[in-house]
Amino acid sequence: PTQSLLAPAVAAGAAVAYATASNVSASDVVHPPKQPWDFQGFMSSYDAASVRRGHQVYTQVCASCHGLARIAYRNLVDVCYSEEEVKAMAEDTDVIDGPNDEGEMFERPGKLSDYLPSPYPNEEAARYANNGAYPPDLSLIMKARHNGPDYVFALLVGYKDPPAGIAARETQYYNPYFPGAWIGMPPPLNDGAVEYDDGTPATATQMAKDVCTFLTWAAEPEADERKLMGVKWMITLTVLFGFTWYYKRVRWAPIKTRRLELY
């Protein structure tokens, strides 16, 4: 009886897996090329300069449509900005707070504990301003997409003219890396769109690389600390293994193998 109940479930699971594999391996899906990201190694860390440049690209280009709701100003301190720089950045933003003693909401300058503001008050307003398309929040976009950094980089620099035989659309743009190949977001990056503080040439590919680095950090700000903690634990466990081996082979083995003769 149990096998008869499990058989339909197993068959349904196999059908779903086959359909998923067929969709992923379809010929019309363009997979993004693999990029040599310098933060993906076990012993590597985020490039602070690239994270800072990426934040600049996000602020001047992406923030007009996309939010970053899970990142607070304090998260930027000692990562790519000093505390004074982040405080000045936060104070330039007006935050709605309250209620006050009279039960009314009020505006105040931002502070380190505030989260980065969203460009729209709600999803309906976002769709209305973007011809029905909803710009997603970018806090976890690198984890929400398969091979997130490679996909986002390819998407940002992958806009092309439609192939021959395919008519252009008025409010959508052709991008082979986007599912369905048509995306409502216009090409966001152009050479020289941002003037970097450190003088790095702001080409479209450089800006795409930097903003991908920043968004990868935003999705997992604790990654560097986690890697460092992992190295410390591996060293500690290696030392403890050495002590354990010594105790087992030198101290305990003679006691375990000795022969006792009672007279």
Protein backbone atom coordinates (compact mmCIF):
# COMPACT_ATOMS: atom_id res chain seq x y z
CA PRO A 1 0.00 0.00 0.00
CA THR A 2 2.79 2.39 0.85
CA GLN A 3 4.52 1.76 -2.47
CA SER A 4 1.28 2.38 -4.35
CA LEU A 5 0.93 5.76 -2.62
CA LEU A 6 4.53 6.78 -3.29
CA ALA A 7 4.51 5.84 -6.97
CA PRO A 8 2.39 8.82 -8.16
CA ALA A 9 4.49 11.24 -6.11
CA VAL A 10 7.73 9.86 -7.54
CA ALA A 11 6.34 10.03 -11.06
CA ALA A 12 5.20 13.63 -10.56
CA GLY A 13 8.60 14.60 -9.18
CA ALA A 14 10.37 13.01 -12.13
CA ALA A 15 8.08 14.85 -14.56
CA VAL A 16 8.76 18.19 -12.88
CA ALA A 17 12.51 17.54 -12.89
CA TYR A 18 12.43 16.60 -16.57
CA ALA A 19 10.42 19.69 -17.48
CA THR A 20 12.77 21.92 -15.50
CA ALA A 21 15.84 20.39 -17.14
CA SER A 22 14.25 20.77 -20.56
CA ASN A 23 13.52 24.44 -19.94
CA VAL A 24 17.01 25.16 -18.65
CA SER A 25 18.71 23.37 -21.53
CA ALA A 26 16.48 24.88 -24.21
CA SER A 27 18.31 26.16 -27.22
CA ASP A 28 16.84 29.68 -26.92
CA VAL A 29 18.37 30.25 -23.48
CA VAL A 30 21.67 32.13 -23.60
CA HIS A 31 23.76 31.30 -20.56
CA PRO A 32 26.01 34.10 -19.27
CA PRO A 33 29.74 33.55 -19.70
CA LYS A 34 31.78 32.80 -16.61
CA GLN A 35 33.67 35.82 -15.28
CA PRO A 36 36.85 35.66 -13.14
CA TRP A 37 35.47 37.34 -10.03
CA ASP A 38 38.16 38.03 -7.46
CA PHE A 39 35.84 37.54 -4.46
CA GLN A 40 34.78 33.94 -5.13
CA GLY A 41 37.93 32.24 -3.89
CA PHE A 42 38.09 30.55 -0.52
CA MET A 43 40.93 32.80 0.60
CA SER A 44 39.87 35.95 -1.29
CA SER A 45 37.91 38.97 -0.10
CA TYR A 46 35.94 41.86 -1.55
CA ASP A 47 37.86 44.64 -3.23
CA ALA A 48 36.93 47.67 -1.10
CA ALA A 49 37.68 50.10 -3.92
CA SER A 50 35.42 48.15 -6.30
CA VAL A 51 32.66 47.99 -3.67
CA ARG A 52 32.89 51.77 -3.25
CA ARG A 53 32.76 52.36 -7.00
CA GLY A 54 29.85 49.93 -7.26
CA HIS A 55 27.96 51.82 -4.58
CA GLN A 56 28.55 54.98 -6.55
CA VAL A 57 27.12 53.34 -9.67
CA TYR A 58 24.13 52.07 -7.70
CA THR A 59 23.48 55.50 -6.18
CA GLN A 60 23.76 57.45 -9.43
CA VAL A 61 22.24 54.93 -11.84
CA CYS A 62 20.33 52.07 -10.20
CA ALA A 63 18.78 53.78 -7.16
CA SER A 64 16.34 55.76 -9.28
CA CYS A 65 14.34 52.55 -9.89
CA HIS A 66 15.71 49.80 -7.61
CA GLY A 67 15.75 49.70 -3.84
CA LEU A 68 18.25 48.12 -1.47
CA ALA A 69 15.97 47.60 1.50
CA ARG A 70 18.16 45.20 3.52
CA ILE A 71 21.24 47.43 3.67
CA ALA A 72 21.54 50.16 6.30
CA TYR A 73 23.98 53.05 6.17
CA ARG A 74 25.92 51.54 9.07
CA ASN A 75 26.73 48.49 6.92
CA LEU A 76 28.90 50.70 4.70
CA VAL A 77 31.13 51.87 7.57
CA ASP A 78 34.69 50.52 7.40
CA VAL A 79 33.82 48.55 4.27
CA CYS A 80 34.15 51.20 1.60
CA TYR A 81 33.58 54.46 3.51
CA SER A 82 34.63 56.01 6.79
CA GLU A 83 32.07 56.65 9.52
CA GLU A 84 32.15 60.40 8.85
CA GLU A 85 31.49 59.87 5.14
CA VAL A 86 28.53 57.59 5.82
CA LYS A 87 27.07 59.98 8.39
CA ALA A 88 27.24 62.83 5.88
CA MET A 89 25.68 60.57 3.24
CA ALA A 90 22.82 59.61 5.57
CA GLU A 91 22.15 63.19 6.64
CA ASP A 92 21.58 64.17 3.01
CA THR A 93 18.49 61.92 3.01
CA ASP A 94 15.20 62.95 4.60
CA VAL A 95 13.57 60.09 6.51
CA ILE A 96 9.91 59.97 7.55
CA ASP A 97 9.75 59.11 11.24
CA GLY A 98 7.23 59.24 14.03
CA PRO A 99 4.70 59.58 15.32
CA ASN A 100 5.71 62.49 17.54
CA ASP A 101 4.01 63.59 20.74
CA GLU A 102 1.13 64.99 18.69
CA GLY A 103 0.65 61.72 16.80
CA GLU A 104 1.95 63.07 13.51
CA MET A 105 4.70 61.80 11.25
CA PHE A 106 7.65 64.08 10.59
CA GLU A 107 10.81 64.26 8.50
CA ARG A 108 14.29 64.17 9.96
CA PRO A 109 17.83 63.81 8.59
CA GLY A 110 18.95 60.25 8.12
CA LYS A 111 21.30 58.49 10.52
CA LEU A 112 23.50 55.40 10.46
CA SER A 113 20.76 53.07 11.69
CA ASP A 114 18.42 53.98 8.82
CA TYR A 115 18.11 51.69 5.81
CA LEU A 116 18.72 52.90 2.28
CA PRO A 117 15.56 54.55 0.95
CA SER A 118 13.34 52.95 -1.65
CA PRO A 119 12.61 54.97 -4.81
CA TYR A 120 8.88 54.12 -4.64
CA PRO A 121 6.42 53.98 -1.73
CA ASN A 122 4.82 50.71 -2.91
CA GLU A 123 4.74 48.19 -5.76
CA GLU A 124 1.79 49.85 -7.50
CA ALA A 125 3.64 53.16 -7.76
CA ALA A 126 6.71 51.35 -9.10
CA ARG A 127 4.70 49.59 -11.80
CA TYR A 128 2.89 52.78 -12.77
CA ALA A 129 6.18 54.61 -13.26
CA ASN A 130 7.73 51.78 -15.32
CA ASN A 131 4.99 50.85 -17.82
CA GLY A 132 3.78 47.97 -15.69
CA ALA A 133 7.22 46.46 -14.99
CA TYR A 134 8.24 46.08 -11.36
CA PRO A 135 11.91 46.88 -10.65
CA PRO A 136 12.98 44.28 -8.07
CA ASP A 137 14.77 45.11 -4.86
CA LEU A 138 18.49 44.40 -5.31
CA SER A 139 19.38 43.40 -1.77
CA LEU A 140 19.43 39.67 -2.55
CA ILE A 141 19.40 39.73 -6.34
CA MET A 142 22.75 37.92 -6.53
CA LYS A 143 21.34 35.02 -4.53
CA ALA A 144 17.97 35.07 -6.28
CA ARG A 145 19.51 34.45 -9.72
CA HIS A 146 21.49 31.39 -10.81
CA ASN A 147 25.17 32.38 -11.07
CA GLY A 148 24.10 35.82 -9.87
CA PRO A 149 27.23 37.91 -10.62
CA ASP A 150 27.69 36.38 -14.08
CA TYR A 151 24.01 36.81 -14.92
CA VAL A 152 23.73 40.42 -13.76
CA PHE A 153 26.97 41.39 -15.51
CA ALA A 154 25.85 39.79 -18.77
CA LEU A 155 22.44 41.42 -18.44
CA LEU A 156 23.90 44.90 -17.92
CA VAL A 157 26.23 44.75 -20.93
CA GLY A 158 24.18 42.38 -23.12
CA TYR A 159 21.70 44.75 -24.77
CA LYS A 160 21.61 44.23 -28.52
CA ASP A 161 19.54 45.05 -31.57
CA PRO A 162 16.81 42.47 -32.26
CA PRO A 163 17.86 39.74 -34.72
CA ALA A 164 16.65 39.89 -38.28
CA GLY A 165 13.02 38.93 -38.55
CA ILE A 166 12.10 40.03 -35.02
CA ALA A 167 10.25 43.33 -34.75
CA ALA A 168 11.32 45.85 -32.14
CA ARG A 169 8.97 46.74 -29.31
CA GLU A 170 8.16 50.24 -28.10
CA THR A 171 8.51 49.82 -24.33
CA GLN A 172 10.85 46.81 -24.20
CA TYR A 173 14.46 46.18 -25.12
CA TYR A 174 16.13 43.10 -26.56
CA ASN A 175 18.54 41.34 -24.24
CA PRO A 176 19.31 37.65 -24.95
CA TYR A 177 20.36 37.01 -21.34
CA PHE A 178 16.97 37.97 -19.92
CA PRO A 179 14.32 35.21 -19.81
CA GLY A 180 12.15 35.76 -22.86
CA ALA A 181 14.79 38.08 -24.37
CA TRP A 182 12.66 41.22 -23.86
CA ILE A 183 13.16 43.43 -20.81
CA GLY A 184 11.40 46.59 -19.72
CA MET A 185 14.56 48.22 -18.34
CA PRO A 186 16.41 50.40 -20.85
CA PRO A 187 20.19 50.00 -21.12
CA PRO A 188 21.33 51.51 -17.80
CA LEU A 189 25.07 51.89 -18.41
CA ASN A 190 26.91 54.06 -20.89
CA ASP A 191 30.57 55.00 -21.03
CA GLY A 192 31.22 58.00 -18.80
CA ALA A 193 27.82 57.90 -17.08
CA VAL A 194 29.56 58.03 -13.69
CA GLU A 195 32.67 59.93 -12.68
CA TYR A 196 34.60 57.77 -10.23
CA ASP A 197 36.18 59.46 -7.23
CA ASP A 198 39.43 57.50 -7.68
CA GLY A 199 39.81 58.39 -11.36
CA THR A 200 39.10 54.91 -12.73
CA PRO A 201 37.83 55.10 -16.34
CA ALA A 202 34.06 54.64 -16.14
CA THR A 203 33.47 52.34 -19.08
CA ALA A 204 30.23 50.37 -19.26
CA THR A 205 32.00 47.08 -18.49
CA GLN A 206 33.91 48.63 -15.57
CA MET A 207 30.71 50.01 -14.08
CA ALA A 208 28.96 46.65 -14.57
CA LYS A 209 31.83 44.86 -12.82
CA ASP A 210 31.85 47.29 -9.91
CA VAL A 211 28.10 47.29 -9.35
CA CYS A 212 28.09 43.46 -9.48
CA THR A 213 30.80 43.42 -6.81
CA PHE A 214 28.79 45.85 -4.68
CA LEU A 215 25.56 43.88 -5.04
CA THR A 216 27.35 40.63 -4.23
CA TRP A 217 28.66 42.25 -1.04
CA ALA A 218 25.15 43.59 -0.29
CA ALA A 219 23.71 40.07 -0.57
CA GLU A 220 26.26 38.74 1.93
CA PRO A 221 28.08 41.51 3.83
CA GLU A 222 29.49 39.01 6.32
CA ALA A 223 31.23 36.87 3.67
CA ASP A 224 34.76 38.10 4.48
CA GLU A 225 34.27 37.54 8.21
CA ARG A 226 32.82 34.09 7.52
CA LYS A 227 35.82 33.12 5.39
CA LEU A 228 38.23 34.39 8.04
CA MET A 229 36.39 32.47 10.74
CA GLY A 230 36.51 29.35 8.56
CA VAL A 231 40.29 29.65 8.20
CA LYS A 232 40.67 30.05 11.96
CA TRP A 233 38.53 26.99 12.61
CA MET A 234 40.45 24.90 10.07
CA ILE A 235 43.76 25.86 11.71
CA THR A 236 42.35 25.10 15.17
CA LEU A 237 40.97 21.73 14.10
CA THR A 238 44.28 20.83 12.44
CA VAL A 239 46.18 21.56 15.65
CA LEU A 240 43.66 19.60 17.72
CA PHE A 241 43.95 16.68 15.30
CA GLY A 242 47.72 16.68 15.84
CA PHE A 243 47.28 16.54 19.60
CA THR A 244 44.67 13.80 19.25
CA TRP A 245 46.94 11.72 17.01
CA TYR A 246 49.85 12.12 19.41
CA TYR A 247 47.77 11.08 22.43
CA LYS A 248 46.29 8.10 20.58
CA ARG A 249 49.54 6.75 19.11
CA VAL A 250 52.03 7.62 21.84
CA ARG A 251 50.07 7.70 25.07
CA TRP A 252 47.05 5.49 24.64
CA ALA A 253 48.33 2.81 22.22
CA PRO A 254 50.86 1.29 24.69
CA ILE A 255 48.19 1.09 27.38
CA LYS A 256 45.65 -0.46 25.02
CA THR A 257 48.02 -3.10 23.63
CA ARG A 258 49.86 -4.07 26.79
CA ARG A 259 49.46 -7.54 28.16
CA LEU A 260 48.46 -8.08 31.74
CA GLU A 261 49.52 -11.29 33.47
CA LEU A 262 48.01 -12.09 36.81
CA TYR A 263 49.74 -14.61 39.09
